[in-house]
N, C-alpha and C. Protein backbone atom coordinates (compact mmCIF):
# COMPACT_ATOMS: atom_id res chain seq x y z
N MET A 1 -202.43 56.85 64.25
CA MET A 1 -201.44 56.82 63.18
C MET A 1 -201.31 55.41 62.60
N THR A 2 -201.38 54.38 63.47
CA THR A 2 -201.25 53.01 62.99
C THR A 2 -202.35 52.67 62.00
N ALA A 3 -203.60 53.09 62.29
CA ALA A 3 -204.70 52.84 61.36
C ALA A 3 -204.45 53.56 60.04
N LEU A 4 -203.94 54.78 60.12
CA LEU A 4 -203.62 55.52 58.91
C LEU A 4 -202.53 54.82 58.12
N LEU A 5 -201.49 54.32 58.80
CA LEU A 5 -200.41 53.61 58.12
C LEU A 5 -200.93 52.37 57.40
N ALA A 6 -201.91 51.69 57.99
CA ALA A 6 -202.45 50.48 57.37
C ALA A 6 -203.16 50.79 56.05
N LEU A 7 -203.66 52.00 55.91
CA LEU A 7 -204.38 52.38 54.69
C LEU A 7 -203.46 52.97 53.62
N MET A 8 -202.26 53.35 54.00
CA MET A 8 -201.34 53.99 53.06
C MET A 8 -200.60 52.93 52.25
N PRO A 9 -200.23 53.26 51.00
CA PRO A 9 -199.39 52.33 50.23
C PRO A 9 -198.06 52.08 50.96
N ALA A 10 -197.47 50.91 50.73
CA ALA A 10 -196.25 50.51 51.43
C ALA A 10 -195.13 51.54 51.30
N ALA A 11 -194.93 52.12 50.12
CA ALA A 11 -193.86 53.09 49.93
C ALA A 11 -194.11 54.34 50.77
N ALA A 12 -195.36 54.76 50.88
CA ALA A 12 -195.68 55.94 51.67
C ALA A 12 -195.48 55.65 53.16
N GLN A 13 -195.73 54.42 53.58
CA GLN A 13 -195.51 54.03 54.97
C GLN A 13 -194.04 54.05 55.32
N ALA A 14 -193.22 53.60 54.40
CA ALA A 14 -191.79 53.43 54.67
C ALA A 14 -191.09 54.75 54.94
N ALA A 15 -191.45 55.81 54.23
CA ALA A 15 -190.74 57.09 54.35
C ALA A 15 -190.78 57.64 55.78
N PRO A 16 -191.95 57.79 56.42
CA PRO A 16 -191.92 58.35 57.78
C PRO A 16 -191.27 57.41 58.79
N VAL A 17 -191.43 56.12 58.62
CA VAL A 17 -190.81 55.15 59.53
C VAL A 17 -189.30 55.21 59.37
N ASN A 18 -188.81 55.21 58.15
CA ASN A 18 -187.37 55.28 57.90
C ASN A 18 -186.77 56.57 58.46
N ALA A 19 -187.49 57.68 58.31
CA ALA A 19 -187.00 58.95 58.85
C ALA A 19 -186.94 58.90 60.38
N ALA A 20 -187.95 58.30 61.00
CA ALA A 20 -187.96 58.18 62.46
C ALA A 20 -186.83 57.28 62.95
N ILE A 21 -186.57 56.19 62.26
CA ILE A 21 -185.46 55.30 62.62
C ILE A 21 -184.13 56.03 62.48
N ALA A 22 -183.95 56.77 61.41
CA ALA A 22 -182.70 57.52 61.20
C ALA A 22 -182.48 58.52 62.33
N ARG A 23 -183.55 59.21 62.76
CA ARG A 23 -183.42 60.16 63.88
C ARG A 23 -183.03 59.42 65.16
N ALA A 24 -183.68 58.28 65.41
CA ALA A 24 -183.39 57.51 66.62
C ALA A 24 -181.95 57.00 66.62
N GLU A 25 -181.49 56.49 65.47
CA GLU A 25 -180.12 55.95 65.37
C GLU A 25 -179.06 57.00 65.63
N HIS A 26 -179.35 58.26 65.32
CA HIS A 26 -178.37 59.34 65.50
C HIS A 26 -178.64 60.17 66.75
N SER A 27 -179.59 59.76 67.55
CA SER A 27 -179.97 60.51 68.74
C SER A 27 -178.97 60.29 69.87
N PRO A 28 -178.62 61.36 70.60
CA PRO A 28 -177.78 61.17 71.79
C PRO A 28 -178.53 60.43 72.89
N ALA A 29 -179.84 60.27 72.75
CA ALA A 29 -180.65 59.52 73.72
C ALA A 29 -180.54 58.02 73.53
N LEU A 30 -179.83 57.56 72.49
CA LEU A 30 -179.63 56.13 72.24
C LEU A 30 -178.24 55.76 72.75
N TRP A 31 -178.21 54.99 73.85
CA TRP A 31 -176.92 54.62 74.43
C TRP A 31 -177.00 53.34 75.23
N ALA A 32 -175.81 52.79 75.50
CA ALA A 32 -175.64 51.63 76.37
C ALA A 32 -174.51 51.95 77.34
N THR A 33 -174.63 51.47 78.57
CA THR A 33 -173.60 51.75 79.57
C THR A 33 -173.53 50.64 80.60
N VAL A 34 -172.40 50.58 81.30
CA VAL A 34 -172.27 49.71 82.47
C VAL A 34 -172.72 50.57 83.66
N ASN A 35 -173.81 50.15 84.31
CA ASN A 35 -174.33 50.94 85.43
C ASN A 35 -174.09 50.29 86.79
N VAL A 36 -173.61 49.05 86.81
CA VAL A 36 -173.25 48.35 88.05
C VAL A 36 -171.94 47.62 87.78
N CYS A 37 -170.98 47.77 88.72
CA CYS A 37 -169.69 47.11 88.51
C CYS A 37 -169.07 46.67 89.82
N ASN A 38 -169.29 45.40 90.18
CA ASN A 38 -168.53 44.76 91.26
C ASN A 38 -168.47 45.60 92.53
N THR A 39 -169.61 45.98 93.06
CA THR A 39 -169.67 46.81 94.25
C THR A 39 -169.91 45.95 95.50
N PRO A 40 -169.74 46.51 96.69
CA PRO A 40 -170.05 45.74 97.90
C PRO A 40 -171.50 45.23 97.92
N ARG A 41 -172.42 46.01 97.40
CA ARG A 41 -173.82 45.59 97.36
C ARG A 41 -174.08 44.58 96.23
N ASN A 42 -173.26 44.62 95.18
CA ASN A 42 -173.40 43.73 94.02
C ASN A 42 -172.04 43.14 93.65
N PRO A 43 -171.48 42.27 94.51
CA PRO A 43 -170.15 41.72 94.22
C PRO A 43 -170.17 40.79 93.00
N ALA A 44 -169.14 40.92 92.18
CA ALA A 44 -168.96 40.09 90.98
C ALA A 44 -170.15 40.21 90.02
N VAL A 45 -170.76 41.38 89.98
CA VAL A 45 -171.91 41.64 89.10
C VAL A 45 -171.56 42.77 88.14
N ILE A 46 -171.96 42.60 86.88
CA ILE A 46 -171.94 43.69 85.91
C ILE A 46 -173.40 43.95 85.52
N GLY A 47 -173.77 45.21 85.60
CA GLY A 47 -175.10 45.63 85.15
C GLY A 47 -174.94 46.43 83.86
N ILE A 48 -175.72 46.09 82.88
CA ILE A 48 -175.67 46.80 81.60
C ILE A 48 -177.06 47.38 81.35
N ARG A 49 -177.09 48.66 81.02
CA ARG A 49 -178.35 49.37 80.83
C ARG A 49 -178.30 50.10 79.50
N GLY A 50 -179.47 50.17 78.87
CA GLY A 50 -179.58 50.90 77.62
C GLY A 50 -180.73 51.88 77.67
N GLN A 51 -180.66 52.86 76.81
CA GLN A 51 -181.73 53.83 76.66
C GLN A 51 -182.01 54.01 75.18
N MET A 52 -183.30 54.05 74.84
CA MET A 52 -183.67 54.21 73.44
C MET A 52 -184.86 55.16 73.31
N PRO A 53 -184.86 55.97 72.26
CA PRO A 53 -186.00 56.85 72.04
C PRO A 53 -187.12 56.13 71.29
N ALA A 54 -188.35 56.54 71.58
CA ALA A 54 -189.49 56.07 70.79
C ALA A 54 -189.45 56.82 69.45
N LEU A 55 -190.27 56.38 68.52
CA LEU A 55 -190.21 56.89 67.14
C LEU A 55 -191.27 57.93 66.80
N GLY A 56 -192.20 58.20 67.71
CA GLY A 56 -193.31 59.08 67.37
C GLY A 56 -194.48 58.32 66.77
N LEU A 57 -194.31 57.01 66.63
CA LEU A 57 -195.33 56.09 66.15
C LEU A 57 -195.46 55.00 67.21
N ARG A 58 -196.61 54.38 67.34
CA ARG A 58 -196.75 53.29 68.32
C ARG A 58 -195.84 52.15 67.89
N THR A 59 -194.83 51.91 68.73
CA THR A 59 -193.76 50.97 68.40
C THR A 59 -193.47 50.08 69.59
N SER A 60 -193.15 48.83 69.32
CA SER A 60 -192.68 47.92 70.35
C SER A 60 -191.17 48.09 70.47
N LEU A 61 -190.69 48.27 71.69
CA LEU A 61 -189.27 48.51 71.94
C LEU A 61 -188.66 47.33 72.68
N SER A 62 -187.48 46.90 72.25
CA SER A 62 -186.77 45.84 72.97
C SER A 62 -185.27 46.01 72.80
N MET A 63 -184.54 45.31 73.67
CA MET A 63 -183.07 45.34 73.66
C MET A 63 -182.55 43.92 73.84
N GLU A 64 -181.48 43.61 73.16
CA GLU A 64 -180.72 42.39 73.40
C GLU A 64 -179.41 42.85 74.04
N ILE A 65 -179.20 42.46 75.30
CA ILE A 65 -178.03 42.88 76.05
C ILE A 65 -177.03 41.73 76.06
N GLN A 66 -175.84 41.99 75.52
CA GLN A 66 -174.80 40.98 75.39
C GLN A 66 -173.59 41.39 76.23
N VAL A 67 -173.09 40.48 77.07
CA VAL A 67 -171.86 40.74 77.81
C VAL A 67 -170.68 40.34 76.94
N ASP A 68 -169.66 41.18 76.94
CA ASP A 68 -168.44 40.93 76.17
C ASP A 68 -167.26 40.82 77.15
N TYR A 69 -166.28 39.98 76.84
CA TYR A 69 -165.09 39.83 77.67
C TYR A 69 -163.87 40.30 76.88
N TRP A 70 -162.85 40.75 77.61
CA TRP A 70 -161.61 41.20 76.98
C TRP A 70 -160.76 39.99 76.61
N SER A 71 -160.46 39.87 75.33
CA SER A 71 -159.59 38.80 74.85
C SER A 71 -158.17 39.37 74.75
N SER A 72 -157.31 38.92 75.65
CA SER A 72 -155.93 39.41 75.60
C SER A 72 -155.22 38.91 74.35
N ARG A 73 -155.64 37.74 73.86
CA ARG A 73 -155.04 37.20 72.63
C ARG A 73 -155.36 38.09 71.43
N ASP A 74 -156.64 38.50 71.31
CA ASP A 74 -157.06 39.30 70.16
C ASP A 74 -157.02 40.80 70.42
N GLN A 75 -156.77 41.19 71.66
CA GLN A 75 -156.70 42.60 72.06
C GLN A 75 -157.98 43.37 71.72
N ARG A 76 -159.13 42.73 72.04
CA ARG A 76 -160.42 43.39 71.84
C ARG A 76 -161.49 42.65 72.65
N PHE A 77 -162.64 43.30 72.78
CA PHE A 77 -163.77 42.65 73.45
C PHE A 77 -164.44 41.69 72.49
N GLU A 78 -164.81 40.53 73.02
CA GLU A 78 -165.50 39.48 72.25
C GLU A 78 -166.79 39.12 72.98
N PRO A 79 -167.84 38.71 72.27
CA PRO A 79 -169.06 38.27 72.94
C PRO A 79 -168.80 37.06 73.84
N ASP A 80 -169.33 37.10 75.05
CA ASP A 80 -169.23 35.97 75.97
C ASP A 80 -170.38 35.03 75.62
N PRO A 81 -170.10 33.87 75.05
CA PRO A 81 -171.16 32.98 74.58
C PRO A 81 -172.17 32.64 75.68
N GLY A 82 -173.41 32.78 75.36
CA GLY A 82 -174.48 32.42 76.28
C GLY A 82 -174.77 33.42 77.37
N VAL A 83 -174.09 34.57 77.37
CA VAL A 83 -174.32 35.58 78.41
C VAL A 83 -175.00 36.78 77.76
N ALA A 84 -176.30 36.62 77.55
CA ALA A 84 -177.11 37.67 76.92
C ALA A 84 -178.53 37.59 77.47
N LYS A 85 -179.23 38.68 77.36
CA LYS A 85 -180.61 38.73 77.84
C LYS A 85 -181.42 39.66 76.95
N ARG A 86 -182.59 39.18 76.52
CA ARG A 86 -183.52 40.02 75.77
C ARG A 86 -184.46 40.68 76.77
N VAL A 87 -184.61 42.00 76.66
CA VAL A 87 -185.46 42.77 77.55
C VAL A 87 -186.48 43.52 76.71
N THR A 88 -187.75 43.32 77.03
CA THR A 88 -188.83 44.01 76.32
C THR A 88 -189.25 45.22 77.13
N LEU A 89 -189.35 46.37 76.47
CA LEU A 89 -189.73 47.61 77.13
C LEU A 89 -191.20 47.95 76.92
N GLY A 90 -191.91 47.18 76.11
CA GLY A 90 -193.32 47.44 75.86
C GLY A 90 -193.53 48.33 74.65
N HIS A 91 -194.71 48.91 74.57
CA HIS A 91 -195.06 49.79 73.45
C HIS A 91 -194.96 51.24 73.88
N ALA A 92 -194.50 52.07 72.98
CA ALA A 92 -194.39 53.50 73.27
C ALA A 92 -194.53 54.29 71.97
N ARG A 93 -194.97 55.51 72.11
CA ARG A 93 -195.07 56.44 70.99
C ARG A 93 -194.06 57.58 71.16
N ARG A 94 -193.85 57.98 72.40
CA ARG A 94 -192.99 59.14 72.68
C ARG A 94 -192.04 58.85 73.84
N GLY A 95 -191.04 59.71 73.99
CA GLY A 95 -190.15 59.65 75.14
C GLY A 95 -188.94 58.76 74.92
N VAL A 96 -188.12 58.70 75.96
CA VAL A 96 -186.97 57.80 75.98
C VAL A 96 -187.23 56.76 77.06
N HIS A 97 -186.73 55.56 76.83
CA HIS A 97 -187.06 54.43 77.69
C HIS A 97 -185.79 53.65 78.02
N GLN A 98 -185.64 53.32 79.31
CA GLN A 98 -184.46 52.60 79.79
C GLN A 98 -184.84 51.22 80.30
N ALA A 99 -183.90 50.33 80.17
CA ALA A 99 -184.00 49.00 80.77
C ALA A 99 -182.59 48.45 80.88
N GLY A 100 -182.45 47.39 81.66
CA GLY A 100 -181.13 46.79 81.80
C GLY A 100 -181.23 45.42 82.44
N TRP A 101 -180.06 44.83 82.65
CA TRP A 101 -179.99 43.51 83.26
C TRP A 101 -178.66 43.41 84.00
N SER A 102 -178.67 42.69 85.11
CA SER A 102 -177.45 42.44 85.87
C SER A 102 -177.05 40.98 85.71
N PHE A 103 -175.77 40.76 85.51
CA PHE A 103 -175.23 39.42 85.28
C PHE A 103 -174.24 39.09 86.39
N GLN A 104 -174.40 37.93 87.00
CA GLN A 104 -173.51 37.48 88.07
C GLN A 104 -172.36 36.67 87.45
N PHE A 105 -171.14 36.95 87.90
CA PHE A 105 -169.96 36.22 87.44
C PHE A 105 -169.21 35.66 88.64
N ALA A 106 -168.34 34.73 88.38
CA ALA A 106 -167.43 34.23 89.41
C ALA A 106 -166.38 35.30 89.66
N PRO A 107 -165.81 35.35 90.87
CA PRO A 107 -164.70 36.28 91.10
C PRO A 107 -163.58 36.06 90.07
N HIS A 108 -162.86 37.09 89.78
CA HIS A 108 -161.72 37.07 88.85
C HIS A 108 -162.16 36.84 87.40
N ALA A 109 -163.36 37.27 87.06
CA ALA A 109 -163.85 37.09 85.68
C ALA A 109 -163.10 37.98 84.69
N GLY A 110 -162.47 39.03 85.19
CA GLY A 110 -161.67 39.88 84.31
C GLY A 110 -162.41 41.13 83.85
N LEU A 111 -161.97 41.64 82.72
CA LEU A 111 -162.52 42.88 82.17
C LEU A 111 -163.71 42.57 81.26
N LEU A 112 -164.84 43.18 81.56
CA LEU A 112 -166.09 42.94 80.83
C LEU A 112 -166.66 44.25 80.33
N SER A 113 -167.40 44.17 79.26
CA SER A 113 -168.16 45.32 78.74
C SER A 113 -169.45 44.75 78.17
N GLY A 114 -170.12 45.52 77.35
CA GLY A 114 -171.36 45.03 76.78
C GLY A 114 -171.67 45.65 75.44
N THR A 115 -172.60 45.02 74.76
CA THR A 115 -173.13 45.51 73.50
C THR A 115 -174.64 45.36 73.58
N VAL A 116 -175.35 46.40 73.20
CA VAL A 116 -176.81 46.35 73.21
C VAL A 116 -177.33 46.55 71.79
N THR A 117 -178.21 45.64 71.38
CA THR A 117 -178.91 45.76 70.10
C THR A 117 -180.33 46.23 70.41
N PHE A 118 -180.66 47.40 69.91
CA PHE A 118 -181.97 48.01 70.12
C PHE A 118 -182.85 47.66 68.92
N THR A 119 -184.10 47.28 69.19
CA THR A 119 -185.02 46.90 68.11
C THR A 119 -186.34 47.63 68.26
N TRP A 120 -186.82 48.17 67.15
CA TRP A 120 -188.13 48.80 67.06
C TRP A 120 -188.99 47.95 66.13
N LYS A 121 -190.23 47.66 66.58
CA LYS A 121 -191.16 46.88 65.75
C LYS A 121 -192.49 47.62 65.67
N ILE A 122 -193.11 47.50 64.51
CA ILE A 122 -194.47 47.99 64.31
C ILE A 122 -195.29 46.80 63.83
N ALA A 123 -196.38 46.54 64.53
CA ALA A 123 -197.28 45.41 64.19
C ALA A 123 -196.50 44.10 64.06
N GLY A 124 -195.53 43.89 64.97
CA GLY A 124 -194.77 42.65 64.98
C GLY A 124 -193.66 42.56 63.96
N ARG A 125 -193.49 43.58 63.13
CA ARG A 125 -192.46 43.57 62.08
C ARG A 125 -191.31 44.49 62.48
N VAL A 126 -190.08 44.00 62.40
CA VAL A 126 -188.91 44.83 62.71
C VAL A 126 -188.80 45.95 61.68
N VAL A 127 -188.78 47.18 62.19
CA VAL A 127 -188.63 48.34 61.30
C VAL A 127 -187.28 49.01 61.48
N GLY A 128 -186.57 48.66 62.56
CA GLY A 128 -185.25 49.26 62.75
C GLY A 128 -184.46 48.56 63.84
N ARG A 129 -183.14 48.60 63.69
CA ARG A 129 -182.21 48.05 64.68
C ARG A 129 -181.01 48.98 64.74
N ALA A 130 -180.46 49.08 65.92
CA ALA A 130 -179.22 49.83 66.12
C ALA A 130 -178.40 49.10 67.17
N VAL A 131 -177.09 49.13 67.04
CA VAL A 131 -176.19 48.45 67.97
C VAL A 131 -175.27 49.48 68.59
N ARG A 132 -175.13 49.40 69.92
CA ARG A 132 -174.23 50.31 70.61
C ARG A 132 -173.38 49.52 71.61
N PRO A 133 -172.06 49.79 71.63
CA PRO A 133 -171.22 49.24 72.71
C PRO A 133 -171.46 50.09 73.96
N THR A 134 -171.13 49.53 75.12
CA THR A 134 -171.24 50.33 76.33
C THR A 134 -170.22 51.46 76.32
N THR A 135 -170.67 52.62 76.75
CA THR A 135 -169.82 53.81 76.88
C THR A 135 -170.14 54.46 78.22
N GLY A 136 -169.26 55.30 78.68
CA GLY A 136 -169.45 55.95 79.97
C GLY A 136 -169.88 57.39 79.85
N GLY A 137 -170.18 57.98 81.00
CA GLY A 137 -170.48 59.39 81.07
C GLY A 137 -171.93 59.78 80.83
N HIS A 138 -172.83 58.82 80.85
CA HIS A 138 -174.25 59.13 80.62
C HIS A 138 -174.89 59.60 81.92
N GLY A 139 -175.76 60.59 81.81
CA GLY A 139 -176.50 61.08 82.97
C GLY A 139 -177.83 60.38 83.09
N HIS A 140 -178.42 60.47 84.26
CA HIS A 140 -179.76 59.93 84.51
C HIS A 140 -179.84 58.43 84.18
N VAL A 141 -178.88 57.67 84.69
CA VAL A 141 -178.85 56.23 84.48
C VAL A 141 -179.58 55.56 85.65
N ASP A 142 -180.72 54.98 85.37
CA ASP A 142 -181.50 54.33 86.42
C ASP A 142 -180.78 53.09 86.95
N GLY A 143 -180.98 52.80 88.22
CA GLY A 143 -180.48 51.57 88.82
C GLY A 143 -178.98 51.48 88.99
N ALA A 144 -178.28 52.60 88.89
CA ALA A 144 -176.82 52.58 88.97
C ALA A 144 -176.36 52.29 90.41
N ASP A 145 -175.26 51.54 90.52
CA ASP A 145 -174.63 51.24 91.80
C ASP A 145 -173.13 51.36 91.61
N PRO A 146 -172.53 52.43 92.20
CA PRO A 146 -173.15 53.46 93.01
C PRO A 146 -173.99 54.43 92.16
N ALA A 147 -174.81 55.23 92.83
CA ALA A 147 -175.68 56.18 92.13
C ALA A 147 -174.86 57.01 91.15
N GLY A 148 -175.38 57.14 89.93
CA GLY A 148 -174.72 57.95 88.90
C GLY A 148 -173.65 57.22 88.11
N HIS A 149 -173.38 55.94 88.46
CA HIS A 149 -172.30 55.21 87.76
C HIS A 149 -172.68 54.96 86.29
N SER A 150 -171.76 55.28 85.42
CA SER A 150 -171.90 55.04 83.98
C SER A 150 -170.51 54.88 83.40
N ALA A 151 -170.19 53.66 82.96
CA ALA A 151 -168.83 53.36 82.47
C ALA A 151 -168.90 52.52 81.21
N SER A 152 -167.76 52.41 80.54
CA SER A 152 -167.70 51.61 79.33
C SER A 152 -167.40 50.15 79.62
N ALA A 153 -166.75 49.88 80.77
CA ALA A 153 -166.34 48.50 81.09
C ALA A 153 -166.32 48.31 82.59
N CYS A 154 -166.12 47.06 83.00
CA CYS A 154 -166.13 46.69 84.41
C CYS A 154 -165.10 45.59 84.63
N ARG A 155 -164.28 45.77 85.66
CA ARG A 155 -163.31 44.72 86.01
C ARG A 155 -163.83 43.97 87.23
N ILE A 156 -164.00 42.66 87.07
CA ILE A 156 -164.38 41.80 88.19
C ILE A 156 -163.13 41.01 88.56
N SER A 157 -162.51 41.47 89.67
CA SER A 157 -161.24 40.85 90.08
C SER A 157 -161.37 40.09 91.38
């Protein structure tokens, strides 16, 4: 398909890619969650995991995982400066793909959550981005501690 896309006019290339991105952005398979939260095995750790669908075209998949802290002054979550990690998932044509990162904090760090920016690239060019805050209740979350854990936020007290 990539060779075919290279031969097609730019406008013709854009339509199937844009349609695939729109499907991915609205897919229930696109999510972010807290999968580790201050457990005996992972004290003062928040793990944030995301899942993203492939587009049906050979695409490079990546995520920017950002930790957010609760601002009592502003009554909302704010990005924690410098607490982010870019994770590359490789190339894929089909399926859903998960990755995540665990962040160590000092005790009493407070209420934390996360935001994940999902990026799809074709031939090194960004063709789509989607942003999701962490939410709970997702099934089949890899690397969860305890097993099956999926939450919107984590308190490190």
